[in-house]
């Protein structure tokens, strides 16, 4: 039966009391619902503890996700099958291997392996360098930029020169003999009699159709600087070096032939990107050094 209305309240007052109670009830329900939703969001957000594996992952190991895309890629790599066609044993093997890897990675962080193992340190440095270089590697410079770079570094883009020559070495005390020998060589190619007459012997640096970069290594910078300008059949002036007096006889000098932009474009693009990567790495290293507190021992300053 309806509750009787107290004699001191009018029907309108009683209706107001009921309405107020109902409003408070709705407010309480709304607050409770909000708390439930907030709690759900909190415990299912990334980085928080949860008992639910997100759909984009296949497992959580100490709340660290194992990506579903990585899992499918590993399945395809090992067995050449997709998920619907993989056997239960194949799926379990791949998942177990990935869980094991994650467990060992987490343990290595606990042991701070990165600070002691050189291979891990090297891998971490390479990963940071690749991240720094990503923008430069994927950038697509315009033709104008590449042509400007080509014009600035055009000496790089040429065929590799080759040379064949004799390098005759005379004792330091025989400088006059070296001068006379050079004059004789200008009159004709060297013969065995020439070697015996002028007491010259091969210095071990005679070259046979070697690329310029190899000739520079074998001759050394000073001798190569003279040889590179000698035409076929030419003879150098005597070159006094700490080991001997050298006379160079050029048999064949195939000088580098410059490439035009079209022929060199691919190499220009590679060099342009490499230079951009180097610039980015230098900038990032400078930034990291500025914000770091680096202390250096006195004896290695």
C-alpha atoms as a PDB file:
ATOM      1  CA  UNK A   1       0.000   0.000   0.000  1.00  0.00           C
ATOM      2  CA  UNK A   2       1.189   3.583  -0.663  1.00  0.00           C
ATOM      3  CA  UNK A   3       2.881   5.198   2.281  1.00  0.00           C
ATOM      4  CA  UNK A   4       0.531   7.669   3.865  1.00  0.00           C
ATOM      5  CA  UNK A   5       1.456  11.302   3.435  1.00  0.00           C
ATOM      6  CA  UNK A   6       2.418  12.926   6.744  1.00  0.00           C
ATOM      7  CA  UNK A   7      -0.122  15.457   7.814  1.00  0.00           C
ATOM      8  CA  UNK A   8       2.440  18.242   7.858  1.00  0.00           C
ATOM      9  CA  UNK A   9       3.483  17.682   4.160  1.00  0.00           C
ATOM     10  CA  UNK A  10       1.494  18.551   1.129  1.00  0.00           C
ATOM     11  CA  UNK A  11       1.377  16.158  -1.849  1.00  0.00           C
ATOM     12  CA  UNK A  12       3.591  18.591  -3.811  1.00  0.00           C
ATOM     13  CA  UNK A  13       6.305  18.487  -1.107  1.00  0.00           C
ATOM     14  CA  UNK A  14       6.270  14.703  -1.067  1.00  0.00           C
ATOM     15  CA  UNK A  15       6.771  14.580  -4.863  1.00  0.00           C
ATOM     16  CA  UNK A  16       9.768  16.917  -4.505  1.00  0.00           C
ATOM     17  CA  UNK A  17      11.393  14.638  -1.934  1.00  0.00           C
ATOM     18  CA  UNK A  18      11.012  11.601  -4.225  1.00  0.00           C
ATOM     19  CA  UNK A  19      12.479  13.518  -7.160  1.00  0.00           C
ATOM     20  CA  UNK A  20      15.491  14.579  -5.102  1.00  0.00           C
ATOM     21  CA  UNK A  21      16.184  11.023  -3.962  1.00  0.00           C
ATOM     22  CA  UNK A  22      15.949   9.822  -7.557  1.00  0.00           C
ATOM     23  CA  UNK A  23      18.432  12.493  -8.725  1.00  0.00           C
ATOM     24  CA  UNK A  24      20.958  11.462  -6.101  1.00  0.00           C
ATOM     25  CA  UNK A  25      20.510   7.829  -7.096  1.00  0.00           C
ATOM     26  CA  UNK A  26      21.199   8.624 -10.760  1.00  0.00           C
ATOM     27  CA  UNK A  27      24.243  10.710  -9.804  1.00  0.00           C
ATOM     28  CA  UNK A  28      25.607   7.824  -7.744  1.00  0.00           C
ATOM     29  CA  UNK A  29      25.091   5.372 -10.588  1.00  0.00           C
ATOM     30  CA  UNK A  30      26.805   7.731 -13.027  1.00  0.00           C
ATOM     31  CA  UNK A  31      29.804   8.183 -10.746  1.00  0.00           C
ATOM     32  CA  UNK A  32      30.108   4.414 -10.267  1.00  0.00           C
ATOM     33  CA  UNK A  33      29.919   3.826 -14.009  1.00  0.00           C
ATOM     34  CA  UNK A  34      32.613   6.463 -14.594  1.00  0.00           C
ATOM     35  CA  UNK A  35      34.896   4.804 -12.058  1.00  0.00           C
ATOM     36  CA  UNK A  36      34.394   1.421 -13.712  1.00  0.00           C
ATOM     37  CA  UNK A  37      35.224   2.820 -17.150  1.00  0.00           C
ATOM     38  CA  UNK A  38      38.284   4.647 -15.826  1.00  0.00           C
ATOM     39  CA  UNK A  39      39.475   1.492 -14.120  1.00  0.00           C
ATOM     40  CA  UNK A  40      39.068  -0.520 -17.296  1.00  0.00           C
ATOM     41  CA  UNK A  41      41.016   2.053 -19.325  1.00  0.00           C
ATOM     42  CA  UNK A  42      43.725   2.204 -16.705  1.00  0.00           C
ATOM     43  CA  UNK A  43      44.293  -1.530 -16.510  1.00  0.00           C
ATOM     44  CA  UNK A  44      44.150  -2.148 -20.251  1.00  0.00           C
ATOM     45  CA  UNK A  45      46.375   0.758 -21.323  1.00  0.00           C
ATOM     46  CA  UNK A  46      49.869   0.158 -22.695  1.00  0.00           C
ATOM     47  CA  UNK A  47      52.487  -0.056 -19.966  1.00  0.00           C
ATOM     48  CA  UNK A  48      50.045  -1.132 -17.283  1.00  0.00           C
ATOM     49  CA  UNK A  49      49.426  -4.542 -15.808  1.00  0.00           C
ATOM     50  CA  UNK A  50      46.620  -6.396 -17.521  1.00  0.00           C
ATOM     51  CA  UNK A  51      45.311  -9.926 -17.892  1.00  0.00           C
ATOM     52  CA  UNK A  52      44.095  -9.315 -21.447  1.00  0.00           C
ATOM     53  CA  UNK A  53      46.360  -9.742 -24.495  1.00  0.00           C
ATOM     54  CA  UNK A  54      45.693  -6.889 -26.951  1.00  0.00           C
ATOM     55  CA  UNK A  55      44.538  -7.997 -30.402  1.00  0.00           C
ATOM     56  CA  UNK A  56      47.705  -6.644 -32.071  1.00  0.00           C
ATOM     57  CA  UNK A  57      49.887  -8.939 -29.932  1.00  0.00           C
ATOM     58  CA  UNK A  58      50.159 -12.704 -29.459  1.00  0.00           C
ATOM     59  CA  UNK A  59      51.526 -12.681 -25.920  1.00  0.00           C
ATOM     60  CA  UNK A  60      52.610 -10.477 -23.030  1.00  0.00           C
ATOM     61  CA  UNK A  61      55.805 -11.328 -21.149  1.00  0.00           C
ATOM     62  CA  UNK A  62      55.979  -9.334 -17.946  1.00  0.00           C
ATOM     63  CA  UNK A  63      53.650  -6.895 -19.695  1.00  0.00           C
ATOM     64  CA  UNK A  64      56.047  -6.590 -22.664  1.00  0.00           C
ATOM     65  CA  UNK A  65      54.160  -7.360 -25.899  1.00  0.00           C
ATOM     66  CA  UNK A  66      55.178  -9.862 -28.544  1.00  0.00           C
ATOM     67  CA  UNK A  67      53.878  -8.386 -31.766  1.00  0.00           C
ATOM     68  CA  UNK A  68      51.457 -10.421 -33.861  1.00  0.00           C
ATOM     69  CA  UNK A  69      53.083  -9.152 -37.046  1.00  0.00           C
ATOM     70  CA  UNK A  70      56.519 -10.332 -35.831  1.00  0.00           C
ATOM     71  CA  UNK A  71      55.007 -13.692 -34.913  1.00  0.00           C
ATOM     72  CA  UNK A  72      53.444 -14.144 -38.356  1.00  0.00           C
ATOM     73  CA  UNK A  73      56.689 -13.101 -40.051  1.00  0.00           C
ATOM     74  CA  UNK A  74      58.659 -15.602 -37.984  1.00  0.00           C
ATOM     75  CA  UNK A  75      56.161 -18.343 -38.833  1.00  0.00           C
ATOM     76  CA  UNK A  76      56.484 -17.566 -42.531  1.00  0.00           C
ATOM     77  CA  UNK A  77      60.293 -17.424 -42.342  1.00  0.00           C
ATOM     78  CA  UNK A  78      60.746 -20.724 -40.509  1.00  0.00           C
ATOM     79  CA  UNK A  79      58.009 -22.861 -42.053  1.00  0.00           C
ATOM     80  CA  UNK A  80      56.778 -20.978 -45.116  1.00  0.00           C
ATOM     81  CA  UNK A  81      53.152 -21.044 -43.917  1.00  0.00           C
ATOM     82  CA  UNK A  82      50.615 -18.527 -42.673  1.00  0.00           C
ATOM     83  CA  UNK A  83      48.719 -18.859 -39.407  1.00  0.00           C
ATOM     84  CA  UNK A  84      45.668 -20.787 -40.746  1.00  0.00           C
ATOM     85  CA  UNK A  85      47.919 -23.406 -42.381  1.00  0.00           C
ATOM     86  CA  UNK A  86      50.429 -23.798 -39.546  1.00  0.00           C
ATOM     87  CA  UNK A  87      50.226 -26.866 -37.344  1.00  0.00           C
ATOM     88  CA  UNK A  88      49.772 -26.565 -33.604  1.00  0.00           C
ATOM     89  CA  UNK A  89      53.364 -27.734 -33.102  1.00  0.00           C
ATOM     90  CA  UNK A  90      54.686 -25.076 -35.482  1.00  0.00           C
ATOM     91  CA  UNK A  91      52.693 -22.314 -33.793  1.00  0.00           C
ATOM     92  CA  UNK A  92      53.847 -23.448 -30.349  1.00  0.00           C
ATOM     93  CA  UNK A  93      57.509 -23.691 -31.436  1.00  0.00           C
ATOM     94  CA  UNK A  94      57.570 -20.160 -32.844  1.00  0.00           C
ATOM     95  CA  UNK A  95      55.744 -18.714 -29.850  1.00  0.00           C
ATOM     96  CA  UNK A  96      58.003 -20.521 -27.362  1.00  0.00           C
ATOM     97  CA  UNK A  97      61.106 -19.252 -29.147  1.00  0.00           C
ATOM     98  CA  UNK A  98      59.828 -15.665 -29.116  1.00  0.00           C
ATOM     99  CA  UNK A  99      58.866 -15.874 -25.427  1.00  0.00           C
ATOM    100  CA  UNK A 100      62.298 -17.323 -24.619  1.00  0.00           C
ATOM    101  CA  UNK A 101      63.979 -14.484 -26.524  1.00  0.00           C
ATOM    102  CA  UNK A 102      61.947 -11.854 -24.661  1.00  0.00           C
ATOM    103  CA  UNK A 103      62.736 -13.466 -21.293  1.00  0.00           C
ATOM    104  CA  UNK A 104      66.450 -13.461 -22.051  1.00  0.00           C
ATOM    105  CA  UNK A 105      66.333  -9.856 -23.294  1.00  0.00           C
ATOM    106  CA  UNK A 106      64.635  -8.780 -20.089  1.00  0.00           C
ATOM    107  CA  UNK A 107      67.169 -10.718 -18.030  1.00  0.00           C
ATOM    108  CA  UNK A 108      70.035  -9.085 -19.937  1.00  0.00           C
ATOM    109  CA  UNK A 109      68.602  -5.690 -19.003  1.00  0.00           C
ATOM    110  CA  UNK A 110      68.527  -6.725 -15.351  1.00  0.00           C
ATOM    111  CA  UNK A 111      72.175  -7.815 -15.579  1.00  0.00           C
ATOM    112  CA  UNK A 112      73.066  -4.654 -17.562  1.00  0.00           C
ATOM    113  CA  UNK A 113      74.725  -6.773 -20.255  1.00  0.00           C
ATOM    114  CA  UNK A 114      74.758  -3.804 -22.633  1.00  0.00           C
ATOM    115  CA  UNK A 115      77.363  -2.046 -20.497  1.00  0.00           C
ATOM    116  CA  UNK A 116      79.837  -4.952 -20.612  1.00  0.00           C
ATOM    117  CA  UNK A 117      79.302  -7.027 -23.752  1.00  0.00           C
ATOM    118  CA  UNK A 118      81.023  -5.446 -26.791  1.00  0.00           C
ATOM    119  CA  UNK A 119      78.713  -7.128 -29.320  1.00  0.00           C
ATOM    120  CA  UNK A 120      75.609  -5.817 -27.565  1.00  0.00           C
ATOM    121  CA  UNK A 121      77.118  -2.345 -27.265  1.00  0.00           C
ATOM    122  CA  UNK A 122      78.001  -2.371 -30.952  1.00  0.00           C
ATOM    123  CA  UNK A 123      74.481  -3.483 -31.910  1.00  0.00           C
ATOM    124  CA  UNK A 124      72.969  -0.715 -29.796  1.00  0.00           C
ATOM    125  CA  UNK A 125      75.236   1.909 -31.380  1.00  0.00           C
ATOM    126  CA  UNK A 126      74.331   0.646 -34.862  1.00  0.00           C
ATOM    127  CA  UNK A 127      70.631   0.789 -34.010  1.00  0.00           C
ATOM    128  CA  UNK A 128      70.910   4.417 -32.874  1.00  0.00           C
ATOM    129  CA  UNK A 129      72.934   5.346 -35.970  1.00  0.00           C
ATOM    130  CA  UNK A 130      70.325   3.734 -38.240  1.00  0.00           C
ATOM    131  CA  UNK A 131      67.565   5.637 -36.481  1.00  0.00           C
ATOM    132  CA  UNK A 132      69.480   8.892 -36.927  1.00  0.00           C
ATOM    133  CA  UNK A 133      70.152   8.138 -40.588  1.00  0.00           C
ATOM    134  CA  UNK A 134      66.621   6.997 -41.462  1.00  0.00           C
ATOM    135  CA  UNK A 135      65.427  10.363 -42.789  1.00  0.00           C
ATOM    136  CA  UNK A 136      68.531  10.908 -44.922  1.00  0.00           C
ATOM    137  CA  UNK A 137      68.436   7.360 -46.323  1.00  0.00           C
ATOM    138  CA  UNK A 138      64.784   7.601 -47.386  1.00  0.00           C
ATOM    139  CA  UNK A 139      64.954  11.213 -48.630  1.00  0.00           C
ATOM    140  CA  UNK A 140      64.502  11.836 -52.342  1.00  0.00           C
ATOM    141  CA  UNK A 141      66.660  14.847 -53.310  1.00  0.00           C
ATOM    142  CA  UNK A 142      65.697  16.826 -56.377  1.00  0.00           C
ATOM    143  CA  UNK A 143      67.624  16.806 -59.650  1.00  0.00           C
ATOM    144  CA  UNK A 144      68.883  20.310 -58.939  1.00  0.00           C
ATOM    145  CA  UNK A 145      70.409  19.206 -55.639  1.00  0.00           C
ATOM    146  CA  UNK A 146      72.092  16.200 -57.250  1.00  0.00           C
ATOM    147  CA  UNK A 147      73.498  18.246 -60.135  1.00  0.00           C
ATOM    148  CA  UNK A 148      74.877  20.823 -57.707  1.00  0.00           C
ATOM    149  CA  UNK A 149      76.485  18.042 -55.662  1.00  0.00           C
ATOM    150  CA  UNK A 150      77.927  16.494 -58.839  1.00  0.00           C
ATOM    151  CA  UNK A 151      79.426  19.814 -59.919  1.00  0.00           C
ATOM    152  CA  UNK A 152      81.001  20.290 -56.493  1.00  0.00           C
ATOM    153  CA  UNK A 153      82.554  16.790 -56.434  1.00  0.00           C
ATOM    154  CA  UNK A 154      82.968  16.054 -60.140  1.00  0.00           C
ATOM    155  CA  UNK A 155      86.514  14.685 -59.652  1.00  0.00           C
ATOM    156  CA  UNK A 156      85.006  11.664 -57.867  1.00  0.00           C
ATOM    157  CA  UNK A 157      83.071  10.543 -60.909  1.00  0.00           C
ATOM    158  CA  UNK A 158      85.523   9.136 -63.420  1.00  0.00           C
ATOM    159  CA  UNK A 159      86.788   5.758 -64.548  1.00  0.00           C
ATOM    160  CA  UNK A 160      89.635   4.289 -62.500  1.00  0.00           C
ATOM    161  CA  UNK A 161      93.009   5.060 -64.070  1.00  0.00           C
ATOM    162  CA  UNK A 162      95.713   2.401 -64.535  1.00  0.00           C
ATOM    163  CA  UNK A 163      99.456   2.583 -65.048  1.00  0.00           C
ATOM    164  CA  UNK A 164     102.393   0.357 -65.947  1.00  0.00           C
ATOM    165  CA  UNK A 165     105.889   1.612 -65.142  1.00  0.00           C
ATOM    166  CA  UNK A 166     109.405   0.820 -64.035  1.00  0.00           C
ATOM    167  CA  UNK A 167     110.705   2.299 -60.816  1.00  0.00           C
ATOM    168  CA  UNK A 168     114.522   2.207 -60.843  1.00  0.00           C
ATOM    169  CA  UNK A 169     116.268   2.811 -57.527  1.00  0.00           C
ATOM    170  CA  UNK A 170     119.862   4.026 -57.187  1.00  0.00           C
ATOM    171  CA  UNK A 171     121.875   4.295 -53.986  1.00  0.00           C
ATOM    172  CA  UNK A 172     121.822   7.751 -52.468  1.00  0.00           C
ATOM    173  CA  UNK A 173     125.517   8.064 -53.233  1.00  0.00           C
ATOM    174  CA  UNK A 174     124.808   7.561 -56.956  1.00  0.00           C
ATOM    175  CA  UNK A 175     122.668  10.649 -57.609  1.00  0.00           C
ATOM    176  CA  UNK A 176     124.801  11.611 -60.626  1.00  0.00           C
ATOM    177  CA  UNK A 177     124.420   8.123 -62.043  1.00  0.00           C
ATOM    178  CA  UNK A 178     120.660   8.407 -61.641  1.00  0.00           C
ATOM    179  CA  UNK A 179     120.682  11.643 -63.649  1.00  0.00           C
ATOM    180  CA  UNK A 180     122.718  10.053 -66.437  1.00  0.00           C
ATOM    181  CA  UNK A 181     120.463   6.995 -66.387  1.00  0.00           C
ATOM    182  CA  UNK A 182     117.373   9.177 -66.784  1.00  0.00           C
ATOM    183  CA  UNK A 183     118.943  10.766 -69.865  1.00  0.00           C
ATOM    184  CA  UNK A 184     119.698   7.324 -71.298  1.00  0.00           C
ATOM    185  CA  UNK A 185     116.122   6.144 -70.648  1.00  0.00           C
ATOM    186  CA  UNK A 186     114.743   9.101 -72.592  1.00  0.00           C
ATOM    187  CA  UNK A 187     116.611   7.740 -75.590  1.00  0.00           C
ATOM    188  CA  UNK A 188     114.998   4.292 -75.410  1.00  0.00           C
ATOM    189  CA  UNK A 189     113.360   1.607 -73.313  1.00  0.00           C
ATOM    190  CA  UNK A 190     115.389   0.046 -70.477  1.00  0.00           C
ATOM    191  CA  UNK A 191     117.348  -3.129 -71.228  1.00  0.00           C
ATOM    192  CA  UNK A 192     119.165  -5.659 -69.014  1.00  0.00           C
ATOM    193  CA  UNK A 193     122.405  -3.994 -70.074  1.00  0.00           C
ATOM    194  CA  UNK A 194     121.036  -0.715 -68.775  1.00  0.00           C
ATOM    195  CA  UNK A 195     120.530  -2.188 -65.315  1.00  0.00           C
ATOM    196  CA  UNK A 196     124.047  -3.576 -65.189  1.00  0.00           C
ATOM    197  CA  UNK A 197     125.622  -0.384 -66.556  1.00  0.00           C
ATOM    198  CA  UNK A 198     124.018   2.018 -64.115  1.00  0.00           C
ATOM    199  CA  UNK A 199     124.025  -0.301 -61.109  1.00  0.00           C
ATOM    200  CA  UNK A 200     120.239   0.074 -60.966  1.00  0.00           C
ATOM    201  CA  UNK A 201     117.950  -2.628 -59.669  1.00  0.00           C
ATOM    202  CA  UNK A 202     114.213  -2.933 -59.489  1.00  0.00           C
ATOM    203  CA  UNK A 203     113.104  -1.339 -56.237  1.00  0.00           C
ATOM    204  CA  UNK A 204     110.179  -3.724 -55.849  1.00  0.00           C
ATOM    205  CA  UNK A 205     107.753  -1.012 -56.910  1.00  0.00           C
ATOM    206  CA  UNK A 206     107.594  -1.671 -60.630  1.00  0.00           C
ATOM    207  CA  UNK A 207     103.944  -1.832 -61.669  1.00  0.00           C
ATOM    208  CA  UNK A 208     102.064  -3.757 -64.353  1.00  0.00           C
ATOM    209  CA  UNK A 209      98.673  -2.281 -65.299  1.00  0.00           C
ATOM    210  CA  UNK A 210      97.712  -1.401 -61.717  1.00  0.00           C
ATOM    211  CA  UNK A 211      94.797   0.826 -60.734  1.00  0.00           C
ATOM    212  CA  UNK A 212      95.716   4.272 -59.483  1.00  0.00           C
ATOM    213  CA  UNK A 213      94.679   3.526 -55.900  1.00  0.00           C
ATOM    214  CA  UNK A 214      96.969   0.466 -55.840  1.00  0.00           C
ATOM    215  CA  UNK A 215      99.813   2.349 -57.524  1.00  0.00           C
ATOM    216  CA  UNK A 216      99.605   5.048 -54.832  1.00  0.00           C
ATOM    217  CA  UNK A 217      99.920   2.377 -52.137  1.00  0.00           C
ATOM    218  CA  UNK A 218     102.893   0.655 -53.795  1.00  0.00           C
ATOM    219  CA  UNK A 219     104.804   3.768 -54.845  1.00  0.00           C
ATOM    220  CA  UNK A 220     103.988   6.017 -51.924  1.00  0.00           C
ATOM    221  CA  UNK A 221     102.471   9.485 -52.156  1.00  0.00           C
ATOM    222  CA  UNK A 222     105.557  11.427 -53.425  1.00  0.00           C
ATOM    223  CA  UNK A 223     106.435   8.995 -56.229  1.00  0.00           C
ATOM    224  CA  UNK A 224     102.789   8.561 -57.249  1.00  0.00           C
ATOM    225  CA  UNK A 225     102.349  12.340 -57.459  1.00  0.00           C
ATOM    226  CA  UNK A 226     105.127  12.393 -60.062  1.00  0.00           C
ATOM    227  CA  UNK A 227     104.019   9.252 -61.901  1.00  0.00           C
ATOM    228  CA  UNK A 228     100.414  10.332 -62.397  1.00  0.00           C
ATOM    229  CA  UNK A 229     101.493  13.213 -64.651  1.00  0.00           C
ATOM    230  CA  UNK A 230     103.885  11.192 -66.821  1.00  0.00           C
ATOM    231  CA  UNK A 231     102.674  10.375 -70.356  1.00  0.00           C
ATOM    232  CA  UNK A 232     103.464   7.086 -72.086  1.00  0.00           C
ATOM    233  CA  UNK A 233     107.216   6.606 -72.587  1.00  0.00           C
ATOM    234  CA  UNK A 234     108.146   9.540 -70.338  1.00  0.00           C
ATOM    235  CA  UNK A 235     110.941   9.491 -67.764  1.00  0.00           C
ATOM    236  CA  UNK A 236     110.929  11.378 -64.499  1.00  0.00           C
ATOM    237  CA  UNK A 237     113.731  13.481 -63.135  1.00  0.00           C
ATOM    238  CA  UNK A 238     115.635  11.734 -60.328  1.00  0.00           C
ATOM    239  CA  UNK A 239     113.524  11.760 -57.155  1.00  0.00           C
ATOM    240  CA  UNK A 240     115.504  11.687 -53.935  1.00  0.00           C
ATOM    241  CA  UNK A 241     113.781   9.733 -51.183  1.00  0.00           C
ATOM    242  CA  UNK A 242     115.137   8.519 -47.806  1.00  0.00           C
ATOM    243  CA  UNK A 243     115.648   4.992 -49.161  1.00  0.00           C
ATOM    244  CA  UNK A 244     117.133   5.735 -52.611  1.00  0.00           C
ATOM    245  CA  UNK A 245     117.173   7.955 -55.687  1.00  0.00           C
ATOM    246  CA  UNK A 246     114.252   6.921 -57.911  1.00  0.00           C
ATOM    247  CA  UNK A 247     113.839   7.234 -61.663  1.00  0.00           C
ATOM    248  CA  UNK A 248     110.391   6.409 -63.059  1.00  0.00           C
ATOM    249  CA  UNK A 249     109.883   5.156 -66.595  1.00  0.00           C
ATOM    250  CA  UNK A 250     106.228   5.229 -67.631  1.00  0.00           C
ATOM    251  CA  UNK A 251     105.237   2.406 -69.975  1.00  0.00           C
ATOM    252  CA  UNK A 252     101.488   3.111 -70.150  1.00  0.00           C
ATOM    253  CA  UNK A 253      99.408   5.674 -68.266  1.00  0.00           C
ATOM    254  CA  UNK A 254      95.645   5.308 -68.774  1.00  0.00           C
ATOM    255  CA  UNK A 255      94.260   8.412 -67.115  1.00  0.00           C
ATOM    256  CA  UNK A 256      90.759   8.445 -65.592  1.00  0.00           C
ATOM    257  CA  UNK A 257      87.906   9.421 -67.924  1.00  0.00           C
ATOM    258  CA  UNK A 258      85.247  11.673 -66.334  1.00  0.00           C
ATOM    259  CA  UNK A 259      81.626  10.428 -66.295  1.00  0.00           C
ATOM    260  CA  UNK A 260      78.836  12.768 -67.264  1.00  0.00           C
ATOM    261  CA  UNK A 261      75.964  13.354 -64.810  1.00  0.00           C
ATOM    262  CA  UNK A 262      73.675  10.769 -66.406  1.00  0.00           C
ATOM    263  CA  UNK A 263      76.284   8.015 -66.113  1.00  0.00           C
ATOM    264  CA  UNK A 264      77.230   9.004 -62.551  1.00  0.00           C
ATOM    265  CA  UNK A 265      73.724   9.746 -61.217  1.00  0.00           C
ATOM    266  CA  UNK A 266      73.295   6.596 -59.116  1.00  0.00           C
ATOM    267  CA  UNK A 267      76.673   7.076 -57.457  1.00  0.00           C
ATOM    268  CA  UNK A 268      75.943  10.779 -56.960  1.00  0.00           C
ATOM    269  CA  UNK A 269      72.685   9.887 -55.187  1.00  0.00           C
ATOM    270  CA  UNK A 270      74.494   7.375 -52.939  1.00  0.00           C
ATOM    271  CA  UNK A 271      77.244   9.852 -52.075  1.00  0.00           C
ATOM    272  CA  UNK A 272      74.709  12.630 -51.450  1.00  0.00           C
ATOM    273  CA  UNK A 273      72.835  10.459 -48.966  1.00  0.00           C
ATOM    274  CA  UNK A 274      76.035   9.234 -47.301  1.00  0.00           C
ATOM    275  CA  UNK A 275      77.185  12.803 -46.773  1.00  0.00           C
ATOM    276  CA  UNK A 276      73.769  13.716 -45.364  1.00  0.00           C
ATOM    277  CA  UNK A 277      73.929  10.744 -42.990  1.00  0.00           C
ATOM    278  CA  UNK A 278      77.398  11.770 -41.862  1.00  0.00           C
ATOM    279  CA  UNK A 279      76.198  15.313 -41.217  1.00  0.00           C
ATOM    280  CA  UNK A 280      73.259  14.059 -39.140  1.00  0.00           C
ATOM    281  CA  UNK A 281      75.443  11.710 -37.106  1.00  0.00           C
ATOM    282  CA  UNK A 282      77.931  14.486 -36.387  1.00  0.00           C
ATOM    283  CA  UNK A 283      75.131  16.791 -35.294  1.00  0.00           C
ATOM    284  CA  UNK A 284      73.539  14.204 -33.021  1.00  0.00           C
ATOM    285  CA  UNK A 285      76.874  13.277 -31.492  1.00  0.00           C
ATOM    286  CA  UNK A 286      77.548  16.942 -30.774  1.00  0.00           C
ATOM    287  CA  UNK A 287      74.109  17.306 -29.153  1.00  0.00           C
ATOM    288  CA  UNK A 288      74.583  14.195 -26.999  1.00  0.00           C
ATOM    289  CA  UNK A 289      78.016  15.351 -25.887  1.00  0.00           C
ATOM    290  CA  UNK A 290      76.702  18.766 -24.887  1.00  0.00           C
ATOM    291  CA  UNK A 291      73.992  17.361 -22.650  1.00  0.00           C
ATOM    292  CA  UNK A 292      76.220  14.631 -21.175  1.00  0.00           C
ATOM    293  CA  UNK A 293      78.491  14.919 -18.152  1.00  0.00           C
ATOM    294  CA  UNK A 294      81.752  13.465 -19.500  1.00  0.00           C
ATOM    295  CA  UNK A 295      84.753  13.216 -17.161  1.00  0.00           C
ATOM    296  CA  UNK A 296      88.158  12.242 -18.610  1.00  0.00           C
ATOM    297  CA  UNK A 297      91.122  10.977 -16.621  1.00  0.00           C
ATOM    298  CA  UNK A 298      94.062  13.381 -16.448  1.00  0.00           C
ATOM    299  CA  UNK A 299      96.576  10.907 -17.898  1.00  0.00           C
ATOM    300  CA  UNK A 300      94.677  10.495 -21.186  1.00  0.00           C
ATOM    301  CA  UNK A 301      93.693  14.091 -21.832  1.00  0.00           C
END
